PDB file of N, CA and C in Angstrom:
ATOM      1  N   MET A   1     -40.753 -19.754 -18.461  1.00  0.00           N
ATOM      2  CA  MET A   1     -39.915 -18.593 -18.212  1.00  0.00           C
ATOM      3  C   MET A   1     -38.651 -19.064 -17.485  1.00  0.00           C
ATOM      4  N   PRO A   2     -37.468 -18.634 -17.971  1.00  0.00           N
ATOM      5  CA  PRO A   2     -36.226 -19.038 -17.302  1.00  0.00           C
ATOM      6  C   PRO A   2     -36.177 -18.521 -15.859  1.00  0.00           C
ATOM      7  N   ARG A   3     -35.453 -19.230 -15.033  1.00  0.00           N
ATOM      8  CA  ARG A   3     -35.345 -18.905 -13.609  1.00  0.00           C
ATOM      9  C   ARG A   3     -34.827 -17.477 -13.372  1.00  0.00           C
ATOM     10  N   GLU A   4     -33.818 -17.043 -14.161  1.00  0.00           N
ATOM     11  CA  GLU A   4     -33.261 -15.702 -13.992  1.00  0.00           C
ATOM     12  C   GLU A   4     -34.319 -14.625 -14.240  1.00  0.00           C
ATOM     13  N   ASP A   5     -35.156 -14.824 -15.250  1.00  0.00           N
ATOM     14  CA  ASP A   5     -36.195 -13.847 -15.563  1.00  0.00           C
ATOM     15  C   ASP A   5     -37.262 -13.806 -14.478  1.00  0.00           C
ATOM     16  N   ARG A   6     -37.570 -14.957 -13.889  1.00  0.00           N
ATOM     17  CA  ARG A   6     -38.560 -14.984 -12.814  1.00  0.00           C
ATOM     18  C   ARG A   6     -38.045 -14.224 -11.591  1.00  0.00           C
ATOM     19  N   ALA A   7     -36.749 -14.333 -11.308  1.00  0.00           N
ATOM     20  CA  ALA A   7     -36.174 -13.664 -10.145  1.00  0.00           C
ATOM     21  C   ALA A   7     -36.191 -12.150 -10.322  1.00  0.00           C
ATOM     22  N   LYS A   8     -36.058 -11.665 -11.548  1.00  0.00           N
ATOM     23  CA  LYS A   8     -36.029 -10.222 -11.804  1.00  0.00           C
ATOM     24  C   LYS A   8     -37.327  -9.540 -11.402  1.00  0.00           C
ATOM     25  N   GLN A   9     -38.432 -10.249 -11.470  1.00  0.00           N
ATOM     26  CA  GLN A   9     -39.705  -9.614 -11.146  1.00  0.00           C
ATOM     27  C   GLN A   9     -39.825  -9.254  -9.672  1.00  0.00           C
ATOM     28  N   PHE A  10     -38.985  -9.857  -8.829  1.00  0.00           N
ATOM     29  CA  PHE A  10     -39.015  -9.559  -7.403  1.00  0.00           C
ATOM     30  C   PHE A  10     -37.896  -8.614  -6.971  1.00  0.00           C
ATOM     31  N   ALA A  11     -37.117  -8.133  -7.913  1.00  0.00           N
ATOM     32  CA  ALA A  11     -36.030  -7.209  -7.601  1.00  0.00           C
ATOM     33  C   ALA A  11     -36.607  -5.872  -7.135  1.00  0.00           C
ATOM     34  N   PRO A  12     -35.882  -5.142  -6.294  1.00  0.00           N
ATOM     35  CA  PRO A  12     -36.375  -3.839  -5.845  1.00  0.00           C
ATOM     36  C   PRO A  12     -36.640  -2.918  -7.040  1.00  0.00           C
ATOM     37  N   TYR A  13     -37.692  -2.150  -6.929  1.00  0.00           N
ATOM     38  CA  TYR A  13     -38.095  -1.263  -8.014  1.00  0.00           C
ATOM     39  C   TYR A  13     -38.138   0.169  -7.498  1.00  0.00           C
ATOM     40  N   ASP A  14     -37.472   1.039  -8.205  1.00  0.00           N
ATOM     41  CA  ASP A  14     -37.463   2.455  -7.840  1.00  0.00           C
ATOM     42  C   ASP A  14     -38.471   3.174  -8.735  1.00  0.00           C
ATOM     43  N   ALA A  15     -39.697   3.275  -8.243  1.00  0.00           N
ATOM     44  CA  ALA A  15     -40.766   3.874  -9.037  1.00  0.00           C
ATOM     45  C   ALA A  15     -40.496   5.340  -9.345  1.00  0.00           C
ATOM     46  N   LEU A  16     -39.876   6.019  -8.422  1.00  0.00           N
ATOM     47  CA  LEU A  16     -39.542   7.430  -8.623  1.00  0.00           C
ATOM     48  C   LEU A  16     -38.040   7.552  -8.774  1.00  0.00           C
ATOM     49  N   LYS A  17     -37.575   7.330  -9.963  1.00  0.00           N
ATOM     50  CA  LYS A  17     -36.129   7.353 -10.204  1.00  0.00           C
ATOM     51  C   LYS A  17     -35.518   8.665  -9.736  1.00  0.00           C
ATOM     52  N   GLY A  18     -34.445   8.548  -8.976  1.00  0.00           N
ATOM     53  CA  GLY A  18     -33.732   9.716  -8.493  1.00  0.00           C
ATOM     54  C   GLY A  18     -34.249  10.268  -7.176  1.00  0.00           C
ATOM     55  N   LEU A  19     -35.373   9.759  -6.680  1.00  0.00           N
ATOM     56  CA  LEU A  19     -35.921  10.282  -5.430  1.00  0.00           C
ATOM     57  C   LEU A  19     -34.980  10.014  -4.263  1.00  0.00           C
ATOM     58  N   SER A  20     -34.449   8.798  -4.164  1.00  0.00           N
ATOM     59  CA  SER A  20     -33.566   8.479  -3.037  1.00  0.00           C
ATOM     60  C   SER A  20     -32.301   9.341  -3.078  1.00  0.00           C
ATOM     61  N   LYS A  21     -31.775   9.599  -4.272  1.00  0.00           N
ATOM     62  CA  LYS A  21     -30.592  10.454  -4.395  1.00  0.00           C
ATOM     63  C   LYS A  21     -30.933  11.892  -3.992  1.00  0.00           C
ATOM     64  N   ALA A  22     -32.085  12.376  -4.418  1.00  0.00           N
ATOM     65  CA  ALA A  22     -32.500  13.732  -4.068  1.00  0.00           C
ATOM     66  C   ALA A  22     -32.706  13.868  -2.558  1.00  0.00           C
ATOM     67  N   LEU A  23     -33.257  12.845  -1.933  1.00  0.00           N
ATOM     68  CA  LEU A  23     -33.451  12.874  -0.478  1.00  0.00           C
ATOM     69  C   LEU A  23     -32.123  12.886   0.259  1.00  0.00           C
ATOM     70  N   ARG A  24     -31.149  12.095  -0.227  1.00  0.00           N
ATOM     71  CA  ARG A  24     -29.811  12.087   0.385  1.00  0.00           C
ATOM     72  C   ARG A  24     -29.150  13.456   0.257  1.00  0.00           C
ATOM     73  N   MET A  25     -29.280  14.092  -0.901  1.00  0.00           N
ATOM     74  CA  MET A  25     -28.695  15.426  -1.101  1.00  0.00           C
ATOM     75  C   MET A  25     -29.371  16.454  -0.194  1.00  0.00           C
ATOM     76  N   LYS A  26     -30.684  16.353  -0.048  1.00  0.00           N
ATOM     77  CA  LYS A  26     -31.418  17.282   0.821  1.00  0.00           C
ATOM     78  C   LYS A  26     -30.971  17.101   2.270  1.00  0.00           C
ATOM     79  N   GLU A  27     -30.792  15.851   2.693  1.00  0.00           N
ATOM     80  CA  GLU A  27     -30.324  15.570   4.052  1.00  0.00           C
ATOM     81  C   GLU A  27     -28.906  16.101   4.255  1.00  0.00           C
ATOM     82  N   TYR A  28     -28.050  15.913   3.249  1.00  0.00           N
ATOM     83  CA  TYR A  28     -26.673  16.409   3.305  1.00  0.00           C
ATOM     84  C   TYR A  28     -26.672  17.931   3.462  1.00  0.00           C
ATOM     85  N   GLU A  29     -27.481  18.621   2.689  1.00  0.00           N
ATOM     86  CA  GLU A  29     -27.564  20.071   2.765  1.00  0.00           C
ATOM     87  C   GLU A  29     -28.125  20.531   4.105  1.00  0.00           C
ATOM     88  N   HIS A  30     -29.079  19.792   4.628  1.00  0.00           N
ATOM     89  CA  HIS A  30     -29.718  20.149   5.891  1.00  0.00           C
ATOM     90  C   HIS A  30     -28.757  20.024   7.077  1.00  0.00           C
ATOM     91  N   GLU A  31     -27.817  19.088   6.998  1.00  0.00           N
ATOM     92  CA  GLU A  31     -26.890  18.833   8.099  1.00  0.00           C
ATOM     93  C   GLU A  31     -25.677  19.760   8.103  1.00  0.00           C
ATOM     94  N   LYS A  32     -25.607  20.697   7.187  1.00  0.00           N
ATOM     95  CA  LYS A  32     -24.460  21.603   7.134  1.00  0.00           C
ATOM     96  C   LYS A  32     -24.410  22.470   8.384  1.00  0.00           C
ATOM     97  N   VAL A  33     -23.177  22.751   8.813  1.00  0.00           N
ATOM     98  CA  VAL A  33     -22.947  23.601   9.985  1.00  0.00           C
ATOM     99  C   VAL A  33     -21.978  24.716   9.596  1.00  0.00           C
ATOM    100  N   ALA A  34     -22.010  25.767  10.375  1.00  0.00           N
ATOM    101  CA  ALA A  34     -21.082  26.879  10.154  1.00  0.00           C
ATOM    102  C   ALA A  34     -19.707  26.505  10.707  1.00  0.00           C
ATOM    103  N   LYS A  35     -18.676  27.011  10.078  1.00  0.00           N
ATOM    104  CA  LYS A  35     -17.310  26.754  10.530  1.00  0.00           C
ATOM    105  C   LYS A  35     -17.055  27.541  11.808  1.00  0.00           C
ATOM    106  N   GLY A  36     -16.633  26.834  12.843  1.00  0.00           N
ATOM    107  CA  GLY A  36     -16.363  27.477  14.124  1.00  0.00           C
ATOM    108  C   GLY A  36     -14.981  28.098  14.165  1.00  0.00           C
ATOM    109  N   ASP A  37     -14.838  29.117  14.974  1.00  0.00           N
ATOM    110  CA  ASP A  37     -13.544  29.770  15.171  1.00  0.00           C
ATOM    111  C   ASP A  37     -12.775  29.061  16.280  1.00  0.00           C
ATOM    112  N   LEU A  38     -11.464  29.042  16.148  1.00  0.00           N
ATOM    113  CA  LEU A  38     -10.603  28.433  17.158  1.00  0.00           C
ATOM    114  C   LEU A  38     -10.041  29.511  18.066  1.00  0.00           C
ATOM    115  N   ASP A  39      -9.866  29.163  19.337  1.00  0.00           N
ATOM    116  CA  ASP A  39      -9.253  30.123  20.253  1.00  0.00           C
ATOM    117  C   ASP A  39      -7.738  30.101  20.076  1.00  0.00           C
ATOM    118  N   GLU A  40      -7.062  31.093  20.617  1.00  0.00           N
ATOM    119  CA  GLU A  40      -5.608  31.239  20.457  1.00  0.00           C
ATOM    120  C   GLU A  40      -4.841  30.036  20.990  1.00  0.00           C
ATOM    121  N   GLU A  41      -5.293  29.470  22.098  1.00  0.00           N
ATOM    122  CA  GLU A  41      -4.619  28.311  22.688  1.00  0.00           C
ATOM    123  C   GLU A  41      -4.667  27.113  21.745  1.00  0.00           C
ATOM    124  N   THR A  42      -5.812  26.877  21.145  1.00  0.00           N
ATOM    125  CA  THR A  42      -5.958  25.762  20.211  1.00  0.00           C
ATOM    126  C   THR A  42      -5.113  25.993  18.967  1.00  0.00           C
ATOM    127  N   ILE A  43      -5.093  27.208  18.470  1.00  0.00           N
ATOM    128  CA  ILE A  43      -4.281  27.529  17.295  1.00  0.00           C
ATOM    129  C   ILE A  43      -2.806  27.279  17.575  1.00  0.00           C
ATOM    130  N   MET A  44      -2.334  27.679  18.744  1.00  0.00           N
ATOM    131  CA  MET A  44      -0.928  27.453  19.110  1.00  0.00           C
ATOM    132  C   MET A  44      -0.625  25.965  19.255  1.00  0.00           C
ATOM    133  N   ARG A  45      -1.565  25.220  19.839  1.00  0.00           N
ATOM    134  CA  ARG A  45      -1.377  23.772  20.000  1.00  0.00           C
ATOM    135  C   ARG A  45      -1.291  23.089  18.634  1.00  0.00           C
ATOM    136  N   LEU A  46      -2.185  23.437  17.721  1.00  0.00           N
ATOM    137  CA  LEU A  46      -2.167  22.854  16.379  1.00  0.00           C
ATOM    138  C   LEU A  46      -0.893  23.232  15.633  1.00  0.00           C
ATOM    139  N   SER A  47      -0.478  24.481  15.757  1.00  0.00           N
ATOM    140  CA  SER A  47       0.748  24.942  15.112  1.00  0.00           C
ATOM    141  C   SER A  47       1.956  24.171  15.621  1.00  0.00           C
ATOM    142  N   ASN A  48       1.995  23.930  16.926  1.00  0.00           N
ATOM    143  CA  ASN A  48       3.086  23.174  17.528  1.00  0.00           C
ATOM    144  C   ASN A  48       3.103  21.733  17.020  1.00  0.00           C
ATOM    145  N   ILE A  49       1.950  21.111  16.942  1.00  0.00           N
ATOM    146  CA  ILE A  49       1.869  19.733  16.445  1.00  0.00           C
ATOM    147  C   ILE A  49       2.330  19.668  14.998  1.00  0.00           C
ATOM    148  N   ILE A  50       1.847  20.586  14.171  1.00  0.00           N
ATOM    149  CA  ILE A  50       2.202  20.591  12.745  1.00  0.00           C
ATOM    150  C   ILE A  50       3.702  20.796  12.555  1.00  0.00           C
ATOM    151  N   SER A  51       4.285  21.707  13.300  1.00  0.00           N
ATOM    152  CA  SER A  51       5.716  21.986  13.128  1.00  0.00           C
ATOM    153  C   SER A  51       6.599  20.848  13.625  1.00  0.00           C
ATOM    154  N   ASN A  52       6.078  19.991  14.501  1.00  0.00           N
ATOM    155  CA  ASN A  52       6.875  18.887  15.036  1.00  0.00           C
ATOM    156  C   ASN A  52       6.543  17.533  14.412  1.00  0.00           C
ATOM    157  N   LEU A  53       5.758  17.527  13.341  1.00  0.00           N
ATOM    158  CA  LEU A  53       5.432  16.251  12.699  1.00  0.00           C
ATOM    159  C   LEU A  53       6.656  15.667  12.005  1.00  0.00           C
ATOM    160  N   ASN A  54       6.810  14.359  12.123  1.00  0.00           N
ATOM    161  CA  ASN A  54       7.865  13.640  11.425  1.00  0.00           C
ATOM    162  C   ASN A  54       7.293  12.992  10.181  1.00  0.00           C
ATOM    163  N   LYS A  55       8.167  12.548   9.303  1.00  0.00           N
ATOM    164  CA  LYS A  55       7.768  12.000   8.011  1.00  0.00           C
ATOM    165  C   LYS A  55       6.833  10.793   8.136  1.00  0.00           C
ATOM    166  N   ASN A  56       7.070   9.910   9.080  1.00  0.00           N
ATOM    167  CA  ASN A  56       6.286   8.678   9.175  1.00  0.00           C
ATOM    168  C   ASN A  56       5.214   8.706  10.267  1.00  0.00           C
ATOM    169  N   ASP A  57       4.931   9.856  10.825  1.00  0.00           N
ATOM    170  CA  ASP A  57       3.878   9.951  11.842  1.00  0.00           C
ATOM    171  C   ASP A  57       2.514   9.696  11.214  1.00  0.00           C
ATOM    172  N   ILE A  58       1.715   8.917  11.901  1.00  0.00           N
ATOM    173  CA  ILE A  58       0.334   8.700  11.479  1.00  0.00           C
ATOM    174  C   ILE A  58      -0.538   9.602  12.346  1.00  0.00           C
ATOM    175  N   ILE A  59      -1.322  10.434  11.682  1.00  0.00           N
ATOM    176  CA  ILE A  59      -2.137  11.399  12.407  1.00  0.00           C
ATOM    177  C   ILE A  59      -3.613  11.249  12.033  1.00  0.00           C
ATOM    178  N   LYS A  60      -4.456  11.759  12.920  1.00  0.00           N
ATOM    179  CA  LYS A  60      -5.891  11.832  12.668  1.00  0.00           C
ATOM    180  C   LYS A  60      -6.254  13.314  12.679  1.00  0.00           C
ATOM    181  N   VAL A  61      -6.872  13.779  11.602  1.00  0.00           N
ATOM    182  CA  VAL A  61      -7.193  15.193  11.449  1.00  0.00           C
ATOM    183  C   VAL A  61      -8.698  15.362  11.310  1.00  0.00           C
ATOM    184  N   LYS A  62      -9.238  16.270  12.118  1.00  0.00           N
ATOM    185  CA  LYS A  62     -10.634  16.674  11.971  1.00  0.00           C
ATOM    186  C   LYS A  62     -10.613  18.029  11.277  1.00  0.00           C
ATOM    187  N   TYR A  63     -11.306  18.120  10.129  1.00  0.00           N
ATOM    188  CA  TYR A  63     -11.251  19.337   9.333  1.00  0.00           C
ATOM    189  C   TYR A  63     -12.627  19.689   8.773  1.00  0.00           C
ATOM    190  N   TYR A  64     -12.751  20.920   8.341  1.00  0.00           N
ATOM    191  CA  TYR A  64     -14.009  21.457   7.816  1.00  0.00           C
ATOM    192  C   TYR A  64     -13.982  21.437   6.293  1.00  0.00           C
ATOM    193  N   LEU A  65     -15.064  20.914   5.703  1.00  0.00           N
ATOM    194  CA  LEU A  65     -15.179  20.892   4.245  1.00  0.00           C
ATOM    195  C   LEU A  65     -16.643  20.982   3.853  1.00  0.00           C
ATOM    196  N   ASP A  66     -16.980  21.986   3.106  1.00  0.00           N
ATOM    197  CA  ASP A  66     -18.321  22.130   2.525  1.00  0.00           C
ATOM    198  C   ASP A  66     -19.447  22.013   3.549  1.00  0.00           C
ATOM    199  N   GLY A  67     -19.260  22.647   4.700  1.00  0.00           N
ATOM    200  CA  GLY A  67     -20.330  22.666   5.694  1.00  0.00           C
ATOM    201  C   GLY A  67     -20.351  21.485   6.642  1.00  0.00           C
ATOM    202  N   HIS A  68     -19.351  20.630   6.575  1.00  0.00           N
ATOM    203  CA  HIS A  68     -19.302  19.445   7.429  1.00  0.00           C
ATOM    204  C   HIS A  68     -17.904  19.288   8.030  1.00  0.00           C
ATOM    205  N   TYR A  69     -17.861  18.723   9.226  1.00  0.00           N
ATOM    206  CA  TYR A  69     -16.580  18.356   9.831  1.00  0.00           C
ATOM    207  C   TYR A  69     -16.322  16.889   9.528  1.00  0.00           C
ATOM    208  N   LEU A  70     -15.179  16.606   8.923  1.00  0.00           N
ATOM    209  CA  LEU A  70     -14.794  15.254   8.542  1.00  0.00           C
ATOM    210  C   LEU A  70     -13.521  14.871   9.278  1.00  0.00           C
ATOM    211  N   THR A  71     -13.306  13.580   9.445  1.00  0.00           N
ATOM    212  CA  THR A  71     -12.099  13.074  10.087  1.00  0.00           C
ATOM    213  C   THR A  71     -11.408  12.122   9.128  1.00  0.00           C
ATOM    214  N   ILE A  72     -10.091  12.269   9.031  1.00  0.00           N
ATOM    215  CA  ILE A  72      -9.293  11.427   8.151  1.00  0.00           C
ATOM    216  C   ILE A  72      -8.020  11.033   8.886  1.00  0.00           C
ATOM    217  N   GLN A  73      -7.484   9.861   8.569  1.00  0.00           N
ATOM    218  CA  GLN A  73      -6.279   9.373   9.244  1.00  0.00           C
ATOM    219  C   GLN A  73      -5.286   8.867   8.220  1.00  0.00           C
ATOM    220  N   GLY A  74      -3.999   9.076   8.503  1.00  0.00           N
ATOM    221  CA  GLY A  74      -2.947   8.581   7.633  1.00  0.00           C
ATOM    222  C   GLY A  74      -1.660   9.356   7.842  1.00  0.00           C
ATOM    223  N   LYS A  75      -0.704   9.116   6.943  1.00  0.00           N
ATOM    224  CA  LYS A  75       0.565   9.839   6.967  1.00  0.00           C
ATOM    225  C   LYS A  75       0.384  11.145   6.207  1.00  0.00           C
ATOM    226  N   ALA A  76       0.859  12.217   6.799  1.00  0.00           N
ATOM    227  CA  ALA A  76       0.666  13.537   6.199  1.00  0.00           C
ATOM    228  C   ALA A  76       1.965  14.094   5.649  1.00  0.00           C
ATOM    229  N   ILE A  77       1.818  14.859   4.587  1.00  0.00           N
ATOM    230  CA  ILE A  77       2.914  15.646   4.042  1.00  0.00           C
ATOM    231  C   ILE A  77       2.586  17.094   4.375  1.00  0.00           C
ATOM    232  N   VAL A  78       3.468  17.741   5.102  1.00  0.00           N
ATOM    233  CA  VAL A  78       3.241  19.116   5.529  1.00  0.00           C
ATOM    234  C   VAL A  78       3.897  20.056   4.533  1.00  0.00           C
ATOM    235  N   GLU A  79       3.119  20.998   4.027  1.00  0.00           N
ATOM    236  CA  GLU A  79       3.634  22.037   3.132  1.00  0.00           C
ATOM    237  C   GLU A  79       3.488  23.376   3.854  1.00  0.00           C
ATOM    238  N   ILE A  80       4.511  23.714   4.640  1.00  0.00           N
ATOM    239  CA  ILE A  80       4.471  24.913   5.476  1.00  0.00           C
ATOM    240  C   ILE A  80       4.279  26.175   4.632  1.00  0.00           C
ATOM    241  N   GLU A  81       5.039  26.290   3.534  1.00  0.00           N
ATOM    242  CA  GLU A  81       4.947  27.503   2.725  1.00  0.00           C
ATOM    243  C   GLU A  81       3.582  27.658   2.057  1.00  0.00           C
ATOM    244  N   MET A  82       2.882  26.560   1.795  1.00  0.00           N
ATOM    245  CA  MET A  82       1.546  26.613   1.197  1.00  0.00           C
ATOM    246  C   MET A  82       0.455  26.592   2.275  1.00  0.00           C
ATOM    247  N   GLN A  83       0.851  26.378   3.525  1.00  0.00           N
ATOM    248  CA  GLN A  83      -0.040  26.299   4.679  1.00  0.00           C
ATOM    249  C   GLN A  83      -1.143  25.262   4.470  1.00  0.00           C
ATOM    250  N   ARG A  84      -0.692  24.031   4.191  1.00  0.00           N
ATOM    251  CA  ARG A  84      -1.644  22.943   4.012  1.00  0.00           C
ATOM    252  C   ARG A  84      -1.002  21.597   4.306  1.00  0.00           C
ATOM    253  N   LEU A  85      -1.858  20.608   4.527  1.00  0.00           N
ATOM    254  CA  LEU A  85      -1.445  19.218   4.709  1.00  0.00           C
ATOM    255  C   LEU A  85      -1.955  18.411   3.529  1.00  0.00           C
ATOM    256  N   LYS A  86      -1.185  17.425   3.116  1.00  0.00           N
ATOM    257  CA  LYS A  86      -1.665  16.439   2.164  1.00  0.00           C
ATOM    258  C   LYS A  86      -1.776  15.132   2.933  1.00  0.00           C
ATOM    259  N   LEU A  87      -2.968  14.571   2.927  1.00  0.00           N
ATOM    260  CA  LEU A  87      -3.241  13.387   3.733  1.00  0.00           C
ATOM    261  C   LEU A  87      -4.223  12.501   2.985  1.00  0.00           C
ATOM    262  N   ALA A  88      -3.798  11.281   2.651  1.00  0.00           N
ATOM    263  CA  ALA A  88      -4.660  10.315   1.961  1.00  0.00           C
ATOM    264  C   ALA A  88      -5.307  10.930   0.717  1.00  0.00           C
ATOM    265  N   ASN A  89      -4.513  11.531  -0.139  1.00  0.00           N
ATOM    266  CA  ASN A  89      -4.973  12.146  -1.386  1.00  0.00           C
ATOM    267  C   ASN A  89      -5.927  13.320  -1.184  1.00  0.00           C
ATOM    268  N   LYS A  90      -5.943  13.894  -0.002  1.00  0.00           N
ATOM    269  CA  LYS A  90      -6.736  15.089   0.283  1.00  0.00           C
ATOM    270  C   LYS A  90      -5.780  16.223   0.607  1.00  0.00           C
ATOM    271  N   VAL A  91      -6.145  17.417   0.212  1.00  0.00           N
ATOM    272  CA  VAL A  91      -5.381  18.614   0.558  1.00  0.00           C
ATOM    273  C   VAL A  91      -6.216  19.398   1.552  1.00  0.00           C
ATOM    274  N   ILE A  92      -5.642  19.645   2.729  1.00  0.00           N
ATOM    275  CA  ILE A  92      -6.365  20.323   3.803  1.00  0.00           C
ATOM    276  C   ILE A  92      -5.609  21.598   4.171  1.00  0.00           C
ATOM    277  N   ASP A  93      -6.276  22.737   4.037  1.00  0.00           N
ATOM    278  CA  ASP A  93      -5.677  24.008   4.435  1.00  0.00           C
ATOM    279  C   ASP A  93      -5.584  24.073   5.959  1.00  0.00           C
ATOM    280  N   PHE A  94      -4.537  24.712   6.452  1.00  0.00           N
ATOM    281  CA  PHE A  94      -4.374  24.859   7.901  1.00  0.00           C
ATOM    282  C   PHE A  94      -5.589  25.538   8.533  1.00  0.00           C
ATOM    283  N   ASP A  95      -6.187  26.482   7.825  1.00  0.00           N
ATOM    284  CA  ASP A  95      -7.343  27.220   8.359  1.00  0.00           C
ATOM    285  C   ASP A  95      -8.565  26.329   8.568  1.00  0.00           C
ATOM    286  N   ASP A  96      -8.630  25.196   7.869  1.00  0.00           N
ATOM    287  CA  ASP A  96      -9.785  24.302   7.964  1.00  0.00           C
ATOM    288  C   ASP A  96      -9.611  23.219   9.028  1.00  0.00           C
ATOM    289  N   ILE A  97      -8.444  23.126   9.647  1.00  0.00           N
ATOM    290  CA  ILE A  97      -8.176  22.088  10.642  1.00  0.00           C
ATOM    291  C   ILE A  97      -8.787  22.483  11.980  1.00  0.00           C
ATOM    292  N   LYS A  98      -9.534  21.563  12.560  1.00  0.00           N
ATOM    293  CA  LYS A  98     -10.109  21.784  13.886  1.00  0.00           C
ATOM    294  C   LYS A  98      -9.293  21.060  14.956  1.00  0.00           C
ATOM    295  N   ASN A  99      -8.785  19.863  14.618  1.00  0.00           N
ATOM    296  CA  ASN A  99      -8.024  19.091  15.608  1.00  0.00           C
ATOM    297  C   ASN A  99      -7.048  18.160  14.895  1.00  0.00           C
ATOM    298  N   ILE A 100      -5.913  17.932  15.527  1.00  0.00           N
ATOM    299  CA  ILE A 100      -4.926  16.965  15.039  1.00  0.00           C
ATOM    300  C   ILE A 100      -4.539  16.091  16.224  1.00  0.00           C
ATOM    301  N   GLU A 101      -4.508  14.798  15.966  1.00  0.00           N
ATOM    302  CA  GLU A 101      -4.107  13.838  17.001  1.00  0.00           C
ATOM    303  C   GLU A 101      -3.060  12.913  16.396  1.00  0.00           C
ATOM    304  N   ILE A 102      -1.914  12.770  17.059  1.00  0.00           N
ATOM    305  CA  ILE A 102      -0.890  11.841  16.597  1.00  0.00           C
ATOM    306  C   ILE A 102      -1.262  10.450  17.064  1.00  0.00           C
ATOM    307  N   VAL A 103      -1.494   9.543  16.125  1.00  0.00           N
ATOM    308  CA  VAL A 103      -1.918   8.185  16.424  1.00  0.00           C
ATOM    309  C   VAL A 103      -0.721   7.289  16.663  1.00  0.00           C
ATOM    310  N   ASP A 104       0.314   7.402  15.809  1.00  0.00           N
ATOM    311  CA  ASP A 104       1.503   6.547  15.934  1.00  0.00           C
ATOM    312  C   ASP A 104       2.715   7.298  15.419  1.00  0.00           C
ATOM    313  N   ARG A 105       3.803   7.172  16.163  1.00  0.00           N
ATOM    314  CA  ARG A 105       5.071   7.798  15.762  1.00  0.00           C
ATOM    315  C   ARG A 105       6.011   6.755  15.231  1.00  0.00           C
TER     316      ARG A 105
END
């Protein structure tokens, strides 16, 4: 038997195909949280940061998506009239933003 074929017999075997994927999806669904409301002070602070962003500012944004809070960093394009940010090929509505931090100006 060739060496490559002998090595294949010791490769990991998934006896229940799709079980690991189903478990990951179940865990993902279980970890979902409700979207929290922001107080007026936080809303004003975020609005101020968004309105004063410059073209080359690097920001870190914590936002809500599909039951989870995610964090992303990069240069943002602000679309005030559409009330959203474009950041690293993601579109984030202003209503979904929990926090913005300017990393580098």
